[in-house]
PDB file of N, CA and C in Angstrom:
ATOM      1  N   MET A   1      43.758   3.892  21.054  1.00  0.00           N
ATOM      2  CA  MET A   1      43.568   2.718  20.241  1.00  0.00           C
ATOM      3  C   MET A   1      42.975   3.161  18.918  1.00  0.00           C
ATOM      4  N   PHE A   2      43.673   2.840  17.875  1.00  0.00           N
ATOM      5  CA  PHE A   2      43.222   3.194  16.533  1.00  0.00           C
ATOM      6  C   PHE A   2      42.474   2.033  15.922  1.00  0.00           C
ATOM      7  N   LEU A   3      41.393   2.341  15.236  1.00  0.00           N
ATOM      8  CA  LEU A   3      40.638   1.291  14.563  1.00  0.00           C
ATOM      9  C   LEU A   3      41.262   1.037  13.206  1.00  0.00           C
ATOM     10  N   THR A   4      41.573  -0.192  12.990  1.00  0.00           N
ATOM     11  CA  THR A   4      42.129  -0.549  11.688  1.00  0.00           C
ATOM     12  C   THR A   4      40.984  -0.786  10.719  1.00  0.00           C
ATOM     13  N   LYS A   5      41.341  -0.969   9.467  1.00  0.00           N
ATOM     14  CA  LYS A   5      40.337  -1.222   8.435  1.00  0.00           C
ATOM     15  C   LYS A   5      39.555  -2.489   8.759  1.00  0.00           C
ATOM     16  N   GLN A   6      40.234  -3.482   9.313  1.00  0.00           N
ATOM     17  CA  GLN A   6      39.583  -4.744   9.671  1.00  0.00           C
ATOM     18  C   GLN A   6      38.575  -4.516  10.790  1.00  0.00           C
ATOM     19  N   HIS A   7      38.933  -3.702  11.779  1.00  0.00           N
ATOM     20  CA  HIS A   7      38.031  -3.399  12.877  1.00  0.00           C
ATOM     21  C   HIS A   7      36.799  -2.650  12.373  1.00  0.00           C
ATOM     22  N   LEU A   8      37.011  -1.680  11.486  1.00  0.00           N
ATOM     23  CA  LEU A   8      35.894  -0.925  10.934  1.00  0.00           C
ATOM     24  C   LEU A   8      34.931  -1.837  10.167  1.00  0.00           C
ATOM     25  N   THR A   9      35.477  -2.769   9.423  1.00  0.00           N
ATOM     26  CA  THR A   9      34.648  -3.711   8.669  1.00  0.00           C
ATOM     27  C   THR A   9      33.840  -4.587   9.622  1.00  0.00           C
ATOM     28  N   MET A  10      34.486  -5.027  10.716  1.00  0.00           N
ATOM     29  CA  MET A  10      33.799  -5.876  11.684  1.00  0.00           C
ATOM     30  C   MET A  10      32.679  -5.096  12.375  1.00  0.00           C
ATOM     31  N   VAL A  11      32.955  -3.853  12.751  1.00  0.00           N
ATOM     32  CA  VAL A  11      31.952  -3.028  13.416  1.00  0.00           C
ATOM     33  C   VAL A  11      30.791  -2.771  12.459  1.00  0.00           C
ATOM     34  N   ARG A  12      31.125  -2.471  11.212  1.00  0.00           N
ATOM     35  CA  ARG A  12      30.080  -2.237  10.212  1.00  0.00           C
ATOM     36  C   ARG A  12      29.223  -3.493  10.020  1.00  0.00           C
ATOM     37  N   THR A  13      29.840  -4.645   9.954  1.00  0.00           N
ATOM     38  CA  THR A  13      29.117  -5.905   9.779  1.00  0.00           C
ATOM     39  C   THR A  13      28.219  -6.180  10.978  1.00  0.00           C
ATOM     40  N   LEU A  14      28.731  -5.951  12.176  1.00  0.00           N
ATOM     41  CA  LEU A  14      27.919  -6.144  13.379  1.00  0.00           C
ATOM     42  C   LEU A  14      26.742  -5.164  13.397  1.00  0.00           C
ATOM     43  N   GLY A  15      26.980  -3.927  12.978  1.00  0.00           N
ATOM     44  CA  GLY A  15      25.901  -2.939  12.928  1.00  0.00           C
ATOM     45  C   GLY A  15      24.795  -3.368  11.975  1.00  0.00           C
ATOM     46  N   VAL A  16      25.182  -3.855  10.811  1.00  0.00           N
ATOM     47  CA  VAL A  16      24.193  -4.328   9.845  1.00  0.00           C
ATOM     48  C   VAL A  16      23.443  -5.530  10.411  1.00  0.00           C
ATOM     49  N   ALA A  17      24.154  -6.447  11.067  1.00  0.00           N
ATOM     50  CA  ALA A  17      23.514  -7.625  11.648  1.00  0.00           C
ATOM     51  C   ALA A  17      22.507  -7.217  12.721  1.00  0.00           C
ATOM     52  N   ILE A  18      22.856  -6.216  13.516  1.00  0.00           N
ATOM     53  CA  ILE A  18      21.931  -5.752  14.563  1.00  0.00           C
ATOM     54  C   ILE A  18      20.691  -5.134  13.942  1.00  0.00           C
ATOM     55  N   VAL A  19      20.893  -4.308  12.919  1.00  0.00           N
ATOM     56  CA  VAL A  19      19.759  -3.666  12.253  1.00  0.00           C
ATOM     57  C   VAL A  19      18.847  -4.710  11.626  1.00  0.00           C
ATOM     58  N   VAL A  20      19.441  -5.701  10.956  1.00  0.00           N
ATOM     59  CA  VAL A  20      18.640  -6.754  10.327  1.00  0.00           C
ATOM     60  C   VAL A  20      17.885  -7.549  11.379  1.00  0.00           C
ATOM     61  N   THR A  21      18.554  -7.874  12.491  1.00  0.00           N
ATOM     62  CA  THR A  21      17.909  -8.631  13.567  1.00  0.00           C
ATOM     63  C   THR A  21      16.738  -7.846  14.144  1.00  0.00           C
ATOM     64  N   LEU A  22      16.943  -6.554  14.382  1.00  0.00           N
ATOM     65  CA  LEU A  22      15.855  -5.733  14.920  1.00  0.00           C
ATOM     66  C   LEU A  22      14.710  -5.626  13.913  1.00  0.00           C
ATOM     67  N   GLY A  23      15.054  -5.515  12.651  1.00  0.00           N
ATOM     68  CA  GLY A  23      14.023  -5.438  11.620  1.00  0.00           C
ATOM     69  C   GLY A  23      13.205  -6.713  11.542  1.00  0.00           C
ATOM     70  N   LEU A  24      13.857  -7.849  11.635  1.00  0.00           N
ATOM     71  CA  LEU A  24      13.138  -9.126  11.571  1.00  0.00           C
ATOM     72  C   LEU A  24      12.294  -9.348  12.825  1.00  0.00           C
ATOM     73  N   SER A  25      12.802  -8.924  13.963  1.00  0.00           N
ATOM     74  CA  SER A  25      12.005  -9.106  15.185  1.00  0.00           C
ATOM     75  C   SER A  25      10.786  -8.190  15.152  1.00  0.00           C
ATOM     76  N   ALA A  26      10.884  -7.037  14.512  1.00  0.00           N
ATOM     77  CA  ALA A  26       9.724  -6.154  14.371  1.00  0.00           C
ATOM     78  C   ALA A  26       8.675  -6.798  13.477  1.00  0.00           C
ATOM     79  N   CYS A  27       9.097  -7.548  12.473  1.00  0.00           N
ATOM     80  CA  CYS A  27       8.155  -8.229  11.576  1.00  0.00           C
ATOM     81  C   CYS A  27       7.330  -9.264  12.331  1.00  0.00           C
ATOM     82  N   ALA A  28       7.916  -9.878  13.332  1.00  0.00           N
ATOM     83  CA  ALA A  28       7.191 -10.894  14.101  1.00  0.00           C
ATOM     84  C   ALA A  28       5.994 -10.272  14.810  1.00  0.00           C
ATOM     85  N   THR A  29       6.126  -9.035  15.244  1.00  0.00           N
ATOM     86  CA  THR A  29       4.989  -8.407  15.916  1.00  0.00           C
ATOM     87  C   THR A  29       3.883  -8.085  14.917  1.00  0.00           C
ATOM     88  N   TYR A  30       4.245  -7.883  13.665  1.00  0.00           N
ATOM     89  CA  TYR A  30       3.229  -7.617  12.653  1.00  0.00           C
ATOM     90  C   TYR A  30       2.344  -8.837  12.413  1.00  0.00           C
ATOM     91  N   ASP A  31       2.884 -10.030  12.639  1.00  0.00           N
ATOM     92  CA  ASP A  31       2.079 -11.240  12.454  1.00  0.00           C
ATOM     93  C   ASP A  31       0.845 -11.201  13.347  1.00  0.00           C
ATOM     94  N   ASP A  32       1.022 -10.774  14.591  1.00  0.00           N
ATOM     95  CA  ASP A  32      -0.118 -10.658  15.510  1.00  0.00           C
ATOM     96  C   ASP A  32      -1.103  -9.601  15.016  1.00  0.00           C
ATOM     97  N   ASP A  33      -0.551  -8.484  14.536  1.00  0.00           N
ATOM     98  CA  ASP A  33      -1.421  -7.424  14.018  1.00  0.00           C
ATOM     99  C   ASP A  33      -2.225  -7.922  12.814  1.00  0.00           C
ATOM    100  N   PHE A  34      -1.547  -8.617  11.912  1.00  0.00           N
ATOM    101  CA  PHE A  34      -2.240  -9.148  10.735  1.00  0.00           C
ATOM    102  C   PHE A  34      -3.301 -10.166  11.136  1.00  0.00           C
ATOM    103  N   ALA A  35      -2.998 -10.976  12.130  1.00  0.00           N
ATOM    104  CA  ALA A  35      -3.977 -11.970  12.596  1.00  0.00           C
ATOM    105  C   ALA A  35      -5.212 -11.271  13.155  1.00  0.00           C
ATOM    106  N   ARG A  36      -5.012 -10.191  13.926  1.00  0.00           N
ATOM    107  CA  ARG A  36      -6.151  -9.442  14.467  1.00  0.00           C
ATOM    108  C   ARG A  36      -6.965  -8.792  13.347  1.00  0.00           C
ATOM    109  N   VAL A  37      -6.261  -8.214  12.385  1.00  0.00           N
ATOM    110  CA  VAL A  37      -6.963  -7.568  11.263  1.00  0.00           C
ATOM    111  C   VAL A  37      -7.737  -8.617  10.459  1.00  0.00           C
ATOM    112  N   ASN A  38      -7.115  -9.752  10.199  1.00  0.00           N
ATOM    113  CA  ASN A  38      -7.799 -10.801   9.451  1.00  0.00           C
ATOM    114  C   ASN A  38      -9.017 -11.325  10.201  1.00  0.00           C
ATOM    115  N   SER A  39      -8.893 -11.456  11.507  1.00  0.00           N
ATOM    116  CA  SER A  39     -10.020 -11.906  12.323  1.00  0.00           C
ATOM    117  C   SER A  39     -11.160 -10.901  12.239  1.00  0.00           C
ATOM    118  N   ARG A  40     -10.819  -9.627  12.331  1.00  0.00           N
ATOM    119  CA  ARG A  40     -11.841  -8.568  12.249  1.00  0.00           C
ATOM    120  C   ARG A  40     -12.502  -8.567  10.876  1.00  0.00           C
ATOM    121  N   LEU A  41     -11.705  -8.761   9.828  1.00  0.00           N
ATOM    122  CA  LEU A  41     -12.262  -8.819   8.474  1.00  0.00           C
ATOM    123  C   LEU A  41     -13.208 -10.013   8.318  1.00  0.00           C
ATOM    124  N   ASP A  42     -12.852 -11.131   8.926  1.00  0.00           N
ATOM    125  CA  ASP A  42     -13.737 -12.304   8.877  1.00  0.00           C
ATOM    126  C   ASP A  42     -15.064 -12.014   9.570  1.00  0.00           C
ATOM    127  N   GLN A  43     -15.000 -11.324  10.711  1.00  0.00           N
ATOM    128  CA  GLN A  43     -16.228 -10.969  11.422  1.00  0.00           C
ATOM    129  C   GLN A  43     -17.090 -10.031  10.580  1.00  0.00           C
ATOM    130  N   LEU A  44     -16.449  -9.045   9.975  1.00  0.00           N
ATOM    131  CA  LEU A  44     -17.194  -8.101   9.132  1.00  0.00           C
ATOM    132  C   LEU A  44     -17.790  -8.799   7.918  1.00  0.00           C
ATOM    133  N   ASP A  45     -17.045  -9.729   7.349  1.00  0.00           N
ATOM    134  CA  ASP A  45     -17.549 -10.482   6.199  1.00  0.00           C
ATOM    135  C   ASP A  45     -18.794 -11.270   6.587  1.00  0.00           C
ATOM    136  N   SER A  46     -18.760 -11.864   7.774  1.00  0.00           N
ATOM    137  CA  SER A  46     -19.927 -12.600   8.286  1.00  0.00           C
ATOM    138  C   SER A  46     -21.133 -11.680   8.420  1.00  0.00           C
ATOM    139  N   LYS A  47     -20.913 -10.498   8.981  1.00  0.00           N
ATOM    140  CA  LYS A  47     -22.013  -9.551   9.164  1.00  0.00           C
ATOM    141  C   LYS A  47     -22.563  -9.079   7.824  1.00  0.00           C
ATOM    142  N   VAL A  48     -21.680  -8.851   6.869  1.00  0.00           N
ATOM    143  CA  VAL A  48     -22.125  -8.413   5.537  1.00  0.00           C
ATOM    144  C   VAL A  48     -22.953  -9.508   4.876  1.00  0.00           C
ATOM    145  N   GLN A  49     -22.506 -10.745   4.980  1.00  0.00           N
ATOM    146  CA  GLN A  49     -23.270 -11.847   4.391  1.00  0.00           C
ATOM    147  C   GLN A  49     -24.635 -11.983   5.056  1.00  0.00           C
ATOM    148  N   SER A  50     -24.674 -11.831   6.358  1.00  0.00           N
ATOM    149  CA  SER A  50     -25.941 -11.901   7.080  1.00  0.00           C
ATOM    150  C   SER A  50     -26.864 -10.763   6.645  1.00  0.00           C
ATOM    151  N   ALA A  51     -26.306  -9.567   6.518  1.00  0.00           N
ATOM    152  CA  ALA A  51     -27.112  -8.417   6.079  1.00  0.00           C
ATOM    153  C   ALA A  51     -27.614  -8.626   4.652  1.00  0.00           C
ATOM    154  N   ALA A  52     -26.798  -9.224   3.805  1.00  0.00           N
ATOM    155  CA  ALA A  52     -27.206  -9.486   2.423  1.00  0.00           C
ATOM    156  C   ALA A  52     -28.357 -10.492   2.397  1.00  0.00           C
ATOM    157  N   GLN A  53     -28.283 -11.505   3.247  1.00  0.00           N
ATOM    158  CA  GLN A  53     -29.367 -12.481   3.315  1.00  0.00           C
ATOM    159  C   GLN A  53     -30.650 -11.835   3.820  1.00  0.00           C
ATOM    160  N   SER A  54     -30.525 -10.972   4.818  1.00  0.00           N
ATOM    161  CA  SER A  54     -31.704 -10.266   5.335  1.00  0.00           C
ATOM    162  C   SER A  54     -32.305  -9.364   4.262  1.00  0.00           C
ATOM    163  N   ALA A  55     -31.449  -8.688   3.514  1.00  0.00           N
ATOM    164  CA  ALA A  55     -31.929  -7.810   2.445  1.00  0.00           C
ATOM    165  C   ALA A  55     -32.626  -8.620   1.361  1.00  0.00           C
ATOM    166  N   GLU A  56     -32.092  -9.777   1.040  1.00  0.00           N
ATOM    167  CA  GLU A  56     -32.720 -10.634   0.024  1.00  0.00           C
ATOM    168  C   GLU A  56     -34.088 -11.105   0.499  1.00  0.00           C
ATOM    169  N   SER A  57     -34.174 -11.479   1.763  1.00  0.00           N
ATOM    170  CA  SER A  57     -35.448 -11.915   2.327  1.00  0.00           C
ATOM    171  C   SER A  57     -36.465 -10.770   2.306  1.00  0.00           C
ATOM    172  N   ALA A  58     -36.026  -9.579   2.684  1.00  0.00           N
ATOM    173  CA  ALA A  58     -36.923  -8.413   2.664  1.00  0.00           C
ATOM    174  C   ALA A  58     -37.363  -8.102   1.240  1.00  0.00           C
ATOM    175  N   ASN A  59     -36.462  -8.255   0.295  1.00  0.00           N
ATOM    176  CA  ASN A  59     -36.795  -8.017  -1.108  1.00  0.00           C
ATOM    177  C   ASN A  59     -37.861  -9.003  -1.591  1.00  0.00           C
ATOM    178  N   GLN A  60     -37.713 -10.259  -1.215  1.00  0.00           N
ATOM    179  CA  GLN A  60     -38.711 -11.261  -1.610  1.00  0.00           C
ATOM    180  C   GLN A  60     -40.072 -10.950  -0.986  1.00  0.00           C
ATOM    181  N   SER A  61     -40.066 -10.543   0.273  1.00  0.00           N
ATOM    182  CA  SER A  61     -41.322 -10.183   0.929  1.00  0.00           C
ATOM    183  C   SER A  61     -41.973  -8.981   0.250  1.00  0.00           C
ATOM    184  N   ALA A  62     -41.175  -8.008  -0.125  1.00  0.00           N
ATOM    185  CA  ALA A  62     -41.705  -6.826  -0.809  1.00  0.00           C
ATOM    186  C   ALA A  62     -42.281  -7.206  -2.170  1.00  0.00           C
ATOM    187  N   GLN A  63     -41.626  -8.108  -2.873  1.00  0.00           N
ATOM    188  CA  GLN A  63     -42.139  -8.549  -4.175  1.00  0.00           C
ATOM    189  C   GLN A  63     -43.484  -9.273  -4.006  1.00  0.00           C
ATOM    190  N   GLN A  64     -43.585 -10.095  -2.979  1.00  0.00           N
ATOM    191  CA  GLN A  64     -44.856 -10.794  -2.727  1.00  0.00           C
ATOM    192  C   GLN A  64     -45.957  -9.794  -2.388  1.00  0.00           C
ATOM    193  N   ALA A  65     -45.617  -8.792  -1.587  1.00  0.00           N
ATOM    194  CA  ALA A  65     -46.607  -7.773  -1.236  1.00  0.00           C
ATOM    195  C   ALA A  65     -47.038  -7.002  -2.479  1.00  0.00           C
ATOM    196  N   ASN A  66     -46.097  -6.695  -3.360  1.00  0.00           N
ATOM    197  CA  ASN A  66     -46.440  -6.002  -4.604  1.00  0.00           C
ATOM    198  C   ASN A  66     -47.347  -6.860  -5.482  1.00  0.00           C
ATOM    199  N   GLN A  67     -47.098  -8.159  -5.514  1.00  0.00           N
ATOM    200  CA  GLN A  67     -47.957  -9.048  -6.299  1.00  0.00           C
ATOM    201  C   GLN A  67     -49.375  -9.062  -5.737  1.00  0.00           C
ATOM    202  N   ARG A  68     -49.494  -9.079  -4.409  1.00  0.00           N
ATOM    203  CA  ARG A  68     -50.825  -9.047  -3.794  1.00  0.00           C
ATOM    204  C   ARG A  68     -51.543  -7.737  -4.117  1.00  0.00           C
ATOM    205  N   LEU A  69     -50.807  -6.626  -4.047  1.00  0.00           N
ATOM    206  CA  LEU A  69     -51.402  -5.332  -4.394  1.00  0.00           C
ATOM    207  C   LEU A  69     -51.825  -5.296  -5.862  1.00  0.00           C
ATOM    208  N   ASP A  70     -51.003  -5.852  -6.731  1.00  0.00           N
ATOM    209  CA  ASP A  70     -51.356  -5.889  -8.153  1.00  0.00           C
ATOM    210  C   ASP A  70     -52.616  -6.712  -8.379  1.00  0.00           C
ATOM    211  N   SER A  71     -52.743  -7.814  -7.644  1.00  0.00           N
ATOM    212  CA  SER A  71     -53.931  -8.656  -7.821  1.00  0.00           C
ATOM    213  C   SER A  71     -55.191  -7.961  -7.293  1.00  0.00           C
ATOM    214  N   LEU A  72     -55.032  -7.100  -6.303  1.00  0.00           N
ATOM    215  CA  LEU A  72     -56.182  -6.362  -5.769  1.00  0.00           C
ATOM    216  C   LEU A  72     -56.543  -5.149  -6.629  1.00  0.00           C
ATOM    217  N   GLU A  73     -55.612  -4.668  -7.406  1.00  0.00           N
ATOM    218  CA  GLU A  73     -55.831  -3.461  -8.195  1.00  0.00           C
ATOM    219  C   GLU A  73     -57.022  -3.603  -9.136  1.00  0.00           C
ATOM    220  N   GLY A  74     -57.137  -4.747  -9.794  1.00  0.00           N
ATOM    221  CA  GLY A  74     -58.271  -4.967 -10.709  1.00  0.00           C
ATOM    222  C   GLY A  74     -59.607  -4.898  -9.972  1.00  0.00           C
ATOM    223  N   ARG A  75     -59.662  -5.501  -8.812  1.00  0.00           N
ATOM    224  CA  ARG A  75     -60.900  -5.496  -8.024  1.00  0.00           C
ATOM    225  C   ARG A  75     -61.256  -4.073  -7.575  1.00  0.00           C
ATOM    226  N   VAL A  76     -60.261  -3.303  -7.155  1.00  0.00           N
ATOM    227  CA  VAL A  76     -60.490  -1.924  -6.721  1.00  0.00           C
ATOM    228  C   VAL A  76     -61.010  -1.097  -7.886  1.00  0.00           C
ATOM    229  N   GLN A  77     -60.411  -1.255  -9.048  1.00  0.00           N
ATOM    230  CA  GLN A  77     -60.873  -0.501 -10.224  1.00  0.00           C
ATOM    231  C   GLN A  77     -62.305  -0.885 -10.595  1.00  0.00           C
ATOM    232  N   GLN A  78     -62.610  -2.160 -10.482  1.00  0.00           N
ATOM    233  CA  GLN A  78     -63.960  -2.633 -10.789  1.00  0.00           C
ATOM    234  C   GLN A  78     -64.976  -1.995  -9.829  1.00  0.00           C
ATOM    235  N   LEU A  79     -64.630  -1.962  -8.549  1.00  0.00           N
ATOM    236  CA  LEU A  79     -65.531  -1.362  -7.563  1.00  0.00           C
ATOM    237  C   LEU A  79     -65.675   0.150  -7.778  1.00  0.00           C
ATOM    238  N   GLU A  80     -64.590   0.795  -8.136  1.00  0.00           N
ATOM    239  CA  GLU A  80     -64.646   2.241  -8.352  1.00  0.00           C
ATOM    240  C   GLU A  80     -65.454   2.601  -9.593  1.00  0.00           C
ATOM    241  N   SER A  81     -65.430   1.761 -10.605  1.00  0.00           N
ATOM    242  CA  SER A  81     -66.147   2.078 -11.852  1.00  0.00           C
ATOM    243  C   SER A  81     -67.596   1.564 -11.846  1.00  0.00           C
ATOM    244  N   ALA A  82     -67.983   0.819 -10.829  1.00  0.00           N
ATOM    245  CA  ALA A  82     -69.353   0.306 -10.755  1.00  0.00           C
ATOM    246  C   ALA A  82     -70.331   1.479 -10.556  1.00  0.00           C
ATOM    247  N   PRO A  83     -71.501   1.352 -11.076  1.00  0.00           N
ATOM    248  CA  PRO A  83     -72.502   2.437 -10.875  1.00  0.00           C
ATOM    249  C   PRO A  83     -72.814   2.579  -9.402  1.00  0.00           C
ATOM    250  N   THR A  84     -73.055   3.793  -9.037  1.00  0.00           N
ATOM    251  CA  THR A  84     -73.373   4.052  -7.633  1.00  0.00           C
ATOM    252  C   THR A  84     -74.764   3.549  -7.328  1.00  0.00           C
ATOM    253  N   ARG A  85     -74.915   3.050  -6.146  1.00  0.00           N
ATOM    254  CA  ARG A  85     -76.235   2.539  -5.740  1.00  0.00           C
ATOM    255  C   ARG A  85     -76.943   3.600  -4.916  1.00  0.00           C
ATOM    256  N   LYS A  86     -78.210   3.633  -5.108  1.00  0.00           N
ATOM    257  CA  LYS A  86     -79.002   4.591  -4.324  1.00  0.00           C
ATOM    258  C   LYS A  86     -79.221   4.008  -2.930  1.00  0.00           C
ATOM    259  N   PRO A  87     -79.108   4.838  -1.945  1.00  0.00           N
ATOM    260  CA  PRO A  87     -79.339   4.344  -0.596  1.00  0.00           C
ATOM    261  C   PRO A  87     -80.806   4.010  -0.395  1.00  0.00           C
ATOM    262  N   ARG A  88     -81.081   3.053   0.439  1.00  0.00           N
ATOM    263  CA  ARG A  88     -82.464   2.678   0.767  1.00  0.00           C
ATOM    264  C   ARG A  88     -83.039   3.681   1.753  1.00  0.00           C
ATOM    265  N   GLY A  89     -84.252   3.857   1.612  1.00  0.00           N
ATOM    266  CA  GLY A  89     -84.945   4.599   2.642  1.00  0.00           C
ATOM    267  C   GLY A  89     -85.423   5.919   2.328  1.00  0.00           C
TER     268      GLY A  89
END
């Protein structure tokens, strides 16, 4: 049986249709992969935002502690520069 030009064209067309169908069905599996990746990115984004809030809170606490230390610095200097007292006795 010899393949005519018409048969070759039909076989070629069917081959292309099969390849396209397989390619499109492979894309459907990527949707699940993308959904998993997007879900993971959302979780990581949540953790990053939480860490940023914790860092901001720690920064505010550190600033308050520095302000308290600054307010005590004058008193410490005053005590250090005061004349020494003689012990009793």
